[in-house]
Protein backbone atom coordinates (compact mmCIF):
# COMPACT_ATOMS: atom_id res chain seq x y z
CA MET A 1 -151.23 -17.26 55.62
CA VAL A 2 -153.17 -14.01 54.61
CA LYS A 3 -152.23 -10.72 55.90
CA ILE A 4 -155.40 -8.65 57.30
CA PHE A 5 -155.23 -5.23 58.57
CA SER A 6 -150.97 -5.80 59.83
CA HIS A 7 -151.80 -8.99 61.20
CA TRP A 8 -151.19 -12.57 59.61
CA PHE A 9 -154.26 -15.21 59.87
CA SER A 10 -153.82 -18.67 58.28
CA TRP A 11 -155.81 -19.79 55.17
CA ARG A 12 -156.87 -22.88 57.03
CA SER A 13 -158.30 -21.29 60.04
CA LEU A 14 -160.16 -18.63 57.79
CA ILE A 15 -161.56 -21.69 55.58
CA GLN A 16 -163.01 -23.23 58.62
CA MET A 17 -164.73 -20.04 60.13
CA ILE A 18 -166.30 -19.38 56.54
CA PHE A 19 -167.74 -22.61 56.52
CA ASP A 20 -169.21 -23.31 59.76
CA LEU A 21 -170.93 -20.01 59.27
CA SER A 22 -171.77 -20.62 56.03
CA PHE A 23 -173.20 -24.24 57.74
CA ILE A 24 -175.35 -22.66 60.25
CA ILE A 25 -177.38 -19.98 57.58
CA VAL A 26 -177.23 -22.33 54.88
CA GLY A 27 -178.90 -24.79 57.44
CA MET A 28 -181.59 -22.39 58.40
CA LEU A 29 -182.33 -21.30 55.57
CA ILE A 30 -183.37 -24.74 54.37
CA ALA A 31 -185.09 -25.50 56.99
CA PHE A 32 -187.01 -22.87 56.60
CA MET A 33 -187.72 -23.03 52.97
CA TRP A 34 -188.98 -26.14 53.47
CA ILE A 35 -191.89 -25.39 56.03
CA SER A 36 -191.96 -21.63 54.76
CA SER A 37 -194.82 -21.96 52.08
CA GLY A 38 -198.09 -20.16 53.19
CA LEU A 39 -196.55 -19.31 56.75
CA PRO A 40 -195.64 -14.60 57.37
CA ILE A 41 -192.32 -15.37 57.47
CA ASN A 42 -189.80 -11.99 56.69
CA HIS A 43 -187.17 -13.71 55.17
CA SER A 44 -184.67 -10.57 55.83
CA HIS A 45 -185.01 -11.25 59.90
CA LEU A 46 -184.26 -14.77 59.20
CA LEU A 47 -181.27 -14.25 57.56
CA LEU A 48 -180.19 -11.45 60.05
CA PHE A 49 -181.02 -13.83 62.80
CA ALA A 50 -179.05 -16.57 61.26
CA ALA A 51 -175.94 -14.32 60.28
CA ILE A 52 -175.79 -13.05 63.86
CA LEU A 53 -176.38 -16.56 65.20
CA GLY A 54 -173.56 -17.75 63.00
CA VAL A 55 -171.14 -14.70 64.15
CA THR A 56 -171.65 -15.23 67.56
CA VAL A 57 -171.47 -19.36 67.62
CA LEU A 58 -167.63 -18.15 65.41
CA ILE A 59 -166.77 -16.30 68.43
CA VAL A 60 -167.72 -18.23 71.37
CA ASN A 61 -165.72 -21.38 69.12
CA GLY A 62 -162.71 -19.01 68.93
CA TRP A 63 -162.79 -18.87 73.13
CA LEU A 64 -162.96 -22.11 73.14
CA GLY A 65 -159.77 -22.69 70.53
CA PHE A 66 -161.64 -24.48 67.78
CA TYR A 67 -159.53 -22.25 65.22
CA GLN A 68 -156.01 -22.91 66.90
CA ARG A 69 -153.93 -24.56 63.93
CA ILE A 70 -152.72 -27.20 66.52
CA HIS A 71 -153.44 -27.97 69.73
CA ASN A 72 -153.24 -30.98 72.13
CA ARG A 73 -156.84 -31.86 73.21
CA THR A 74 -158.00 -35.11 73.75
CA VAL A 75 -161.39 -35.78 71.63
CA SER A 76 -163.15 -35.93 74.80
CA GLU A 77 -162.14 -32.83 75.72
CA SER A 78 -163.49 -31.18 72.22
CA ARG A 79 -166.38 -32.33 72.95
CA ALA A 80 -167.04 -30.97 76.29
CA ARG A 81 -166.11 -27.56 74.29
CA ALA A 82 -168.61 -28.06 72.06
CA VAL A 83 -171.49 -28.77 74.08
CA LEU A 84 -170.39 -25.43 76.70
CA SER A 85 -170.37 -24.00 73.11
CA LEU A 86 -174.00 -24.88 72.32
CA TYR A 87 -175.09 -24.02 76.07
CA LEU A 88 -173.52 -20.79 74.86
CA ALA A 89 -175.22 -20.31 71.56
CA VAL A 90 -178.86 -21.38 72.59
CA PRO A 91 -179.62 -18.73 75.55
CA LEU A 92 -178.60 -16.15 72.61
CA ALA A 93 -180.40 -17.68 70.21
CA TYR A 94 -183.94 -17.70 72.56
CA ALA A 95 -183.12 -13.78 73.58
CA VAL A 96 -182.78 -13.11 69.39
CA PHE A 97 -185.70 -14.58 68.54
CA ALA A 98 -187.88 -13.13 71.01
CA LEU A 99 -187.19 -10.24 69.72
CA LEU A 100 -187.80 -10.33 66.14
CA PRO A 101 -191.31 -10.44 64.66
CA VAL A 102 -191.86 -13.60 63.89
CA THR A 103 -195.16 -15.43 64.24
CA ASP A 104 -196.01 -17.88 67.30
CA ILE A 105 -196.28 -20.96 64.94
CA SER A 106 -192.86 -20.76 63.25
CA ARG A 107 -190.83 -19.61 66.20
CA GLU A 108 -191.11 -22.60 68.08
CA PHE A 109 -189.68 -24.47 64.84
CA ALA A 110 -186.94 -21.54 64.54
CA GLN A 111 -185.28 -22.10 67.61
CA LEU A 112 -185.05 -26.12 67.06
CA SER A 113 -183.82 -25.40 63.52
CA ALA A 114 -181.19 -23.02 64.83
CA MET A 115 -180.21 -25.55 67.55
CA SER A 116 -180.13 -28.22 65.06
CA ALA A 117 -177.75 -26.10 62.50
CA VAL A 118 -175.51 -25.34 65.66
CA PHE A 119 -175.41 -28.89 66.68
CA GLY A 120 -174.51 -30.27 63.26
CA MET A 121 -171.72 -27.70 62.82
CA LEU A 122 -170.27 -28.32 66.08
CA VAL A 123 -169.94 -32.18 65.14
CA ASN A 124 -167.90 -31.44 62.02
CA ARG A 125 -165.92 -28.64 64.13
CA VAL A 126 -165.03 -31.47 66.41
CA SER A 127 -164.28 -34.36 64.17
CA ALA A 128 -161.97 -31.63 62.21
CA SER A 129 -159.76 -30.76 65.25
CA HIS A 130 -158.42 -34.50 65.43
CA ARG A 131 -158.40 -35.52 61.62
CA ASN A 132 -155.54 -34.98 59.55
CA SER A 133 -154.71 -31.21 57.82
CA SER A 134 -156.97 -31.25 53.98
CA THR A 135 -154.07 -31.62 51.22
CA LEU A 136 -156.50 -28.75 49.43
CA VAL A 137 -154.65 -26.14 51.90
CA SER A 138 -151.02 -27.43 52.47
CA ARG A 139 -148.26 -25.54 52.20
CA ARG A 140 -145.30 -27.44 50.53
CA ILE A 141 -142.25 -25.72 51.79
CA LEU A 142 -138.44 -25.92 50.28
CA ILE A 143 -135.91 -24.82 52.90
CA PHE A 144 -132.96 -23.51 51.59
CA GLY A 145 -130.31 -24.40 54.01
CA ALA A 146 -129.48 -27.38 56.10
CA GLY A 147 -127.59 -26.23 59.48
CA SER A 148 -129.31 -24.88 62.62
CA GLN A 149 -131.64 -22.36 61.20
CA ALA A 150 -133.13 -24.71 59.13
CA LEU A 151 -133.37 -27.22 61.72
CA SER A 152 -135.45 -24.57 64.12
CA VAL A 153 -137.82 -24.17 60.99
CA LYS A 154 -138.60 -27.88 61.29
CA ARG A 155 -138.84 -28.00 64.63
CA ALA A 156 -141.47 -24.38 64.71
CA LEU A 157 -143.20 -25.92 61.45
CA ALA A 158 -143.82 -29.13 63.48
CA LYS A 159 -145.24 -27.74 66.16
CA SER A 160 -147.28 -24.66 64.74
CA ASP A 161 -148.44 -25.37 61.32
CA PRO A 162 -150.15 -28.73 60.84
CA SER A 163 -151.09 -28.09 56.98
CA ALA A 164 -146.80 -27.08 56.34
CA GLU A 165 -145.09 -30.00 54.29
CA ILE A 166 -141.60 -29.82 54.32
CA ILE A 167 -140.34 -31.46 50.81
CA GLY A 168 -136.68 -30.98 51.28
CA PHE A 169 -133.63 -28.95 52.63
CA ILE A 170 -130.96 -27.63 49.83
CA PRO A 171 -127.63 -26.96 51.21
CA SER A 172 -125.61 -23.92 50.63
CA PRO A 173 -122.77 -24.25 49.14
CA ASN A 174 -120.58 -22.52 52.20
CA GLU A 175 -122.45 -24.50 55.02
CA GLU A 176 -120.13 -26.90 56.60
CA ALA A 177 -122.33 -29.01 59.03
CA HIS A 178 -125.82 -30.60 58.34
CA VAL A 179 -128.26 -31.33 61.10
CA VAL A 180 -131.67 -31.89 59.53
CA PRO A 181 -132.16 -35.17 58.39
CA GLU A 182 -129.75 -36.73 55.81
CA THR A 183 -132.81 -38.49 54.14
CA GLN A 184 -134.41 -34.82 53.24
CA ILE A 185 -131.18 -33.39 51.99
CA LEU A 186 -131.96 -32.62 48.19
CA SER A 187 -128.90 -33.38 45.59
CA ARG A 188 -127.82 -30.20 43.41
CA SER A 189 -127.52 -31.46 40.57
CA LYS A 190 -130.10 -29.44 39.57
CA THR A 191 -130.66 -25.89 39.80
CA LEU A 192 -132.69 -24.14 42.85
CA THR A 193 -135.55 -23.40 40.34
CA ASP A 194 -135.93 -26.67 38.48
CA THR A 195 -135.64 -28.20 41.80
CA ALA A 196 -138.50 -26.17 43.03
CA ILE A 197 -140.81 -26.08 39.81
CA ALA A 198 -140.64 -30.47 40.00
CA LEU A 199 -141.50 -30.53 43.73
CA ARG A 200 -144.20 -28.15 43.24
CA ALA A 201 -143.22 -26.17 46.15
CA ASN A 202 -145.30 -23.02 47.07
CA GLU A 203 -142.52 -21.40 49.40
CA ILE A 204 -139.38 -21.33 50.11
CA VAL A 205 -137.74 -20.05 53.30
CA VAL A 206 -134.21 -19.01 53.56
CA ALA A 207 -132.36 -20.29 56.46
CA LEU A 208 -128.82 -19.34 56.61
CA SER A 209 -126.97 -18.34 59.51
CA GLU A 210 -124.10 -16.62 57.10
CA ARG A 211 -125.65 -14.70 54.17
CA ARG A 212 -121.90 -13.93 52.79
CA GLY A 213 -119.39 -14.73 50.05
CA GLY A 214 -122.39 -16.43 47.42
CA SER A 215 -123.96 -17.97 50.32
CA MET A 216 -127.44 -17.36 48.54
CA PRO A 217 -128.03 -18.17 44.86
CA LEU A 218 -129.71 -14.28 44.00
CA ARG A 219 -131.00 -14.92 40.62
CA GLU A 220 -131.87 -18.44 41.42
CA LEU A 221 -134.18 -16.93 44.03
CA LEU A 222 -135.06 -14.00 41.78
CA ASP A 223 -136.10 -16.91 39.09
CA CYS A 224 -138.31 -19.05 41.55
CA LYS A 225 -139.89 -15.95 42.82
CA LEU A 226 -140.73 -15.01 39.34
CA HIS A 227 -142.32 -18.60 38.43
CA GLY A 228 -145.28 -17.50 41.52
CA ILE A 229 -143.07 -19.58 44.42
CA ARG A 230 -142.74 -17.14 47.30
CA VAL A 231 -139.45 -16.46 48.64
CA MET A 232 -138.99 -15.29 52.24
CA ASP A 233 -136.28 -14.74 54.65
CA LEU A 234 -136.10 -16.46 58.03
CA ALA A 235 -137.29 -13.31 60.03
CA SER A 236 -140.25 -13.40 57.80
CA HIS A 237 -141.06 -16.51 57.79
CA PHE A 238 -141.13 -16.75 61.46
CA GLU A 239 -143.15 -13.96 61.47
CA GLN A 240 -146.12 -14.82 59.53
CA THR A 241 -146.05 -18.64 61.26
CA LEU A 242 -145.65 -18.09 64.50
CA GLY A 243 -146.48 -14.49 64.68
CA GLN A 244 -143.42 -13.73 66.57
CA ILE A 245 -140.08 -11.72 65.65
CA ARG A 246 -137.15 -14.44 66.33
CA LEU A 247 -134.42 -12.96 68.01
CA ASP A 248 -132.05 -15.76 66.45
CA SER A 249 -132.61 -14.38 63.10
CA LEU A 250 -133.41 -10.97 63.67
CA TYR A 251 -130.70 -8.23 62.14
CA ALA A 252 -131.09 -4.53 62.75
CA GLY A 253 -131.70 -4.00 58.60
CA TRP A 254 -134.50 -6.09 58.81
CA LEU A 255 -136.12 -3.92 61.14
CA ILE A 256 -135.00 -0.68 59.68
CA PHE A 257 -135.65 -1.36 56.01
CA GLY A 258 -138.82 -3.41 56.70
CA ASP A 259 -142.50 -2.33 56.40
CA GLY A 260 -143.85 -2.14 60.00
CA PHE A 261 -143.25 0.08 62.93
CA ARG A 262 -145.88 2.62 62.22
CA GLN A 263 -146.61 5.18 65.29
CA GLY A 264 -148.60 8.12 63.66
CA THR A 265 -150.27 10.84 64.75
CA LEU A 266 -153.52 9.19 63.07
CA ARG A 267 -152.76 5.83 65.20
CA THR A 268 -151.80 7.20 68.48
CA VAL A 269 -155.31 9.45 68.54
CA VAL A 270 -157.30 6.46 67.81
CA LYS A 271 -155.52 3.94 70.27
CA ARG A 272 -156.10 6.59 73.28
CA LEU A 273 -159.98 7.17 72.09
CA PHE A 274 -160.16 3.52 71.87
CA ASP A 275 -158.74 2.80 75.43
CA ILE A 276 -161.09 5.54 77.44
CA VAL A 277 -163.83 4.03 76.03
CA PHE A 278 -163.26 0.66 76.21
CA ALA A 279 -161.59 0.72 79.73
CA SER A 280 -164.40 3.15 81.10
CA ILE A 281 -167.10 0.27 79.89
CA LEU A 282 -164.98 -2.54 81.93
CA ILE A 283 -164.91 -0.36 84.64
CA ILE A 284 -168.19 0.12 85.22
CA LEU A 285 -168.93 -3.72 84.76
CA ALA A 286 -165.95 -4.80 86.73
CA MET A 287 -167.34 -2.45 89.61
CA PRO A 288 -169.17 -5.21 91.86
CA VAL A 289 -166.34 -7.89 91.08
CA MET A 290 -163.81 -5.20 92.07
CA LEU A 291 -165.68 -4.52 95.56
CA ALA A 292 -166.30 -8.57 96.23
CA THR A 293 -162.49 -8.48 95.12
CA GLY A 294 -161.93 -6.16 98.28
CA ILE A 295 -163.89 -7.65 101.00
CA LEU A 296 -161.97 -10.76 100.39
CA ILE A 297 -158.57 -9.50 100.81
CA VAL A 298 -159.12 -7.39 103.33
CA ALA A 299 -161.17 -10.49 104.85
CA GLU A 300 -158.46 -13.17 104.40
CA ASN A 301 -155.25 -10.53 104.75
CA GLY A 302 -155.89 -7.61 106.16
CA PHE A 303 -155.31 -4.14 104.26
CA PRO A 304 -153.78 -2.63 101.91
CA LEU A 305 -155.82 -3.82 99.34
CA PHE A 306 -154.07 -3.00 96.29
CA TYR A 307 -149.99 -2.84 95.17
CA ARG A 308 -148.56 -0.27 93.84
CA GLN A 309 -145.25 -0.90 92.08
CA GLU A 310 -143.04 1.25 90.09
CA ARG A 311 -142.73 -0.33 85.89
CA VAL A 312 -140.96 1.13 83.15
CA GLY A 313 -143.44 2.67 80.29
CA LEU A 314 -143.47 4.73 77.25
CA ASN A 315 -140.21 5.46 76.08
CA GLY A 316 -138.27 4.14 79.34
CA ARG A 317 -140.48 6.66 81.33
CA LEU A 318 -141.46 5.26 85.20
CA PHE A 319 -145.01 5.28 86.45
CA ASN A 320 -147.00 3.43 89.34
CA VAL A 321 -148.65 0.28 87.95
CA ILE A 322 -151.62 -0.36 90.53
CA LYS A 323 -152.88 -3.60 91.14
CA PHE A 324 -155.08 -6.04 93.56
CA ARG A 325 -152.82 -7.28 96.21
CA SER A 326 -152.58 -11.08 95.43
CA MET A 327 -149.63 -11.98 98.13
CA ARG A 328 -148.88 -11.79 101.23
CA ARG A 329 -147.62 -8.14 102.74
CA ASP A 330 -144.17 -9.68 103.21
CA ALA A 331 -143.52 -10.98 99.91
CA GLU A 332 -140.31 -9.00 99.46
CA LYS A 333 -139.77 -8.20 103.19
CA ASP A 334 -135.83 -7.99 102.39
CA GLY A 335 -136.61 -5.59 99.41
CA LYS A 336 -134.84 -7.39 96.73
CA PRO A 337 -137.06 -8.13 93.86
CA ILE A 338 -137.98 -11.62 93.21
CA TRP A 339 -139.21 -13.01 89.58
CA ALA A 340 -142.73 -13.84 90.26
CA LYS A 341 -143.62 -17.71 89.39
CA ALA A 342 -145.68 -20.76 88.92
CA GLN A 343 -147.04 -22.12 92.43
CA ASP A 344 -145.78 -19.01 93.96
CA ASP A 345 -145.74 -19.87 97.93
CA ARG A 346 -146.26 -15.95 98.55
CA VAL A 347 -149.57 -15.55 97.03
CA THR A 348 -153.12 -16.19 99.08
CA LYS A 349 -155.84 -17.91 98.76
CA VAL A 350 -157.99 -15.26 97.26
CA GLY A 351 -154.61 -14.20 95.03
CA LYS A 352 -154.66 -17.77 93.48
CA PHE A 353 -158.48 -17.55 92.40
CA ILE A 354 -158.01 -13.81 91.52
CA ARG A 355 -154.78 -14.18 89.82
CA ARG A 356 -156.20 -16.87 87.28
CA LEU A 357 -159.22 -15.08 86.43
CA ARG A 358 -157.59 -11.99 85.78
CA ILE A 359 -159.02 -10.28 88.11
CA ASP A 360 -155.91 -8.73 89.96
CA GLU A 361 -155.37 -6.83 86.50
CA LEU A 362 -158.55 -4.64 86.99
CA PRO A 363 -157.20 -1.76 88.44
CA GLN A 364 -154.95 -0.95 86.06
CA LEU A 365 -157.88 0.05 84.33
CA PHE A 366 -157.72 3.20 86.25
CA SER A 367 -154.32 3.72 84.61
CA VAL A 368 -155.15 3.04 80.77
CA LEU A 369 -157.90 6.05 81.85
CA LYS A 370 -154.49 8.65 83.31
CA GLY A 371 -153.03 7.55 79.84
CA ASP A 372 -150.31 5.40 81.66
CA MET A 373 -150.94 2.15 80.34
CA SER A 374 -152.72 1.29 77.21
CA LEU A 375 -155.68 -2.13 76.92
CA VAL A 376 -153.48 -3.34 74.75
CA GLY A 377 -149.50 -3.87 74.62
CA PRO A 378 -146.28 -5.24 75.97
CA ARG A 379 -146.53 -5.97 79.86
CA PRO A 380 -144.36 -3.32 81.86
CA GLU A 381 -141.64 -4.70 83.49
CA ARG A 382 -139.77 -3.50 87.02
CA PRO A 383 -137.03 -1.12 86.44
CA PHE A 384 -134.35 -3.80 87.68
CA PHE A 385 -136.09 -6.34 85.93
CA VAL A 386 -136.04 -3.88 82.48
CA ASP A 387 -131.82 -3.21 83.69
CA GLN A 388 -131.01 -6.99 83.45
CA LEU A 389 -132.94 -7.66 80.42
CA THR A 390 -131.55 -4.74 78.23
CA LYS A 391 -128.08 -6.04 78.63
CA GLU A 392 -128.64 -9.63 77.93
CA ILE A 393 -131.60 -9.70 75.73
CA PRO A 394 -131.15 -7.88 72.02
CA PHE A 395 -133.46 -4.99 70.85
CA TYR A 396 -135.06 -5.69 74.55
CA ALA A 397 -135.57 -1.75 74.65
CA VAL A 398 -137.95 -1.65 71.03
CA ARG A 399 -141.06 -2.69 73.39
CA HIS A 400 -140.77 0.53 75.26
CA SER A 401 -141.57 2.20 71.88
CA VAL A 402 -145.74 1.44 72.71
CA LYS A 403 -147.34 1.76 75.75
CA PRO A 404 -147.57 -1.33 77.91
CA GLY A 405 -150.74 -2.80 78.09
CA VAL A 406 -153.01 -4.46 81.18
CA THR A 407 -153.20 -7.32 78.44
CA GLY A 408 -150.88 -8.42 75.42
CA TRP A 409 -150.44 -10.03 72.43
CA ALA A 410 -147.27 -11.86 74.66
CA GLN A 411 -149.59 -12.68 77.14
CA VAL A 412 -152.43 -14.21 74.91
CA ARG A 413 -149.62 -16.43 73.04
CA TYR A 414 -146.81 -17.27 75.86
CA HIS A 415 -147.29 -18.81 79.56
CA TYR A 416 -146.67 -16.91 82.61
CA GLY A 417 -142.96 -15.79 82.37
CA ALA A 418 -140.61 -16.18 84.95
CA THR A 419 -136.87 -16.37 83.73
CA VAL A 420 -134.72 -14.30 81.41
CA GLU A 421 -135.65 -17.09 78.83
CA ASP A 422 -139.23 -16.66 79.05
CA SER A 423 -138.66 -13.10 78.98
CA ALA A 424 -137.05 -13.64 75.91
CA GLU A 425 -139.25 -15.66 74.36
CA LYS A 426 -142.46 -12.93 75.47
CA LEU A 427 -139.98 -10.20 73.49
CA GLN A 428 -140.44 -12.22 70.13
CA TYR A 429 -144.39 -11.56 70.55
CA ASP A 430 -143.52 -8.06 71.83
CA LEU A 431 -142.02 -7.41 68.85
CA TYR A 432 -144.61 -8.71 66.98
CA TYR A 433 -146.83 -6.75 68.11
CA VAL A 434 -144.64 -3.43 67.85
CA LYS A 435 -144.14 -3.80 64.26
CA ASN A 436 -147.72 -4.49 63.42
CA HIS A 437 -149.99 -3.12 66.10
CA SER A 438 -152.99 -1.51 64.63
CA LEU A 439 -156.32 -1.42 66.39
CA PHE A 440 -157.57 -4.63 64.80
CA LEU A 441 -154.92 -6.32 65.96
CA ASP A 442 -155.89 -4.48 69.75
CA MET A 443 -159.31 -6.08 69.20
CA VAL A 444 -157.58 -9.83 68.26
CA VAL A 445 -155.63 -9.86 71.59
CA LEU A 446 -158.96 -8.30 73.96
CA PHE A 447 -161.03 -11.28 71.87
CA GLU A 448 -158.25 -14.00 72.59
CA THR A 449 -157.70 -12.55 76.58
CA VAL A 450 -161.37 -13.77 77.06
CA GLY A 451 -160.49 -16.96 75.71
CA VAL A 452 -157.51 -16.90 77.84
CA VAL A 453 -159.61 -16.24 81.22
CA LEU A 454 -162.31 -19.03 80.03
CA THR A 455 -159.71 -21.67 80.16
CA GLY A 456 -157.15 -20.29 83.02
CA LYS A 457 -154.48 -20.79 80.33
CA GLY A 458 -151.01 -18.83 81.33
CA ALA A 459 -152.49 -17.48 84.51
CA HIS A 460 -150.07 -18.03 88.01
């Protein structure tokens, strides 16, 4: 994993993106070098176009999920997404070439070479999505612990990081119950340092439920670190690997003494300016969609057009959130708050459509301009549910240290939540955002939100 502007990325994903970008640029350059003799071609313009085309294809591929570390797509589904990526890239290639000062003789070949490069890259991307991870970017992980926490690391890595290889578990002297596979438990006949070096471990994860009473061999762990082996506690491991801060591995000291959780004046000002500028642009672009949505809502179920509801915002302050009404007017006729859920029978036909495309969230852009919300942040919840969740979920109130958002890290990483358990899962992503939030992470979330809207993932 590599940290860029306070956000963790997988080396494997970065290598894939760099390869795809270079594939397109080099492919176009080779084609033009082959036929450019005697033609008035501006090579700086050619390189600029190749870079623009390559970056655009990366963005489209990212939206379509080609750089996810793990997925459940079939080969046919990946091929269909590759065709869609090609169709989205072709119009842009024609548009950019129309603006470039290249000759009529080279223009047609340039278009063909660009499409050939994109097609070749997509063929490789589909193939790469369905073959085993390269050993060049694999991580050899040694886990110190053999209890329930160690098992949770094993399961999390199996689901989220196919490049990670668990080479064994070393039980702590104070652990009584071993729940990991016996075949993977290593002997303590050697020191931890010698074992890690012999197994060529890249990383050691300390996965212990109990750390007191000599559970951790601090001297040996320090020796491992001095030998170039990364040593991580459980909370940091999940933060980097899953993009979340797991509640079952979290303790107050880690939150207090660790890095992150910065909310300085500069960050506040930059985020506010970012919100105003982009919310204004989005409102202008979405105005025709919002007008059409209003007409459809009234035609199906009459007025009111909007749905206003009290939510909890920054530092626990209450405000009214505004959304397009997607449920029947009598959705809560007894006045008691009810969790929204998948296949909710209270949702109208128009409501199902606008929820799937997140159109019902567009009026919240006006709350962003007002300052009650931000474009990116934790989802604002109703006071009734906040009181319930604060009592049942530790550290829940931490999410109120930043403004709630129209979209957020939890919304793009976890499906639609409708229970206390779902709220606990989403809180783990919210805590990651609160700890690491930056302008760069906000842009990553907005980028992934487009992918969620395109695929309909997580909308109910």
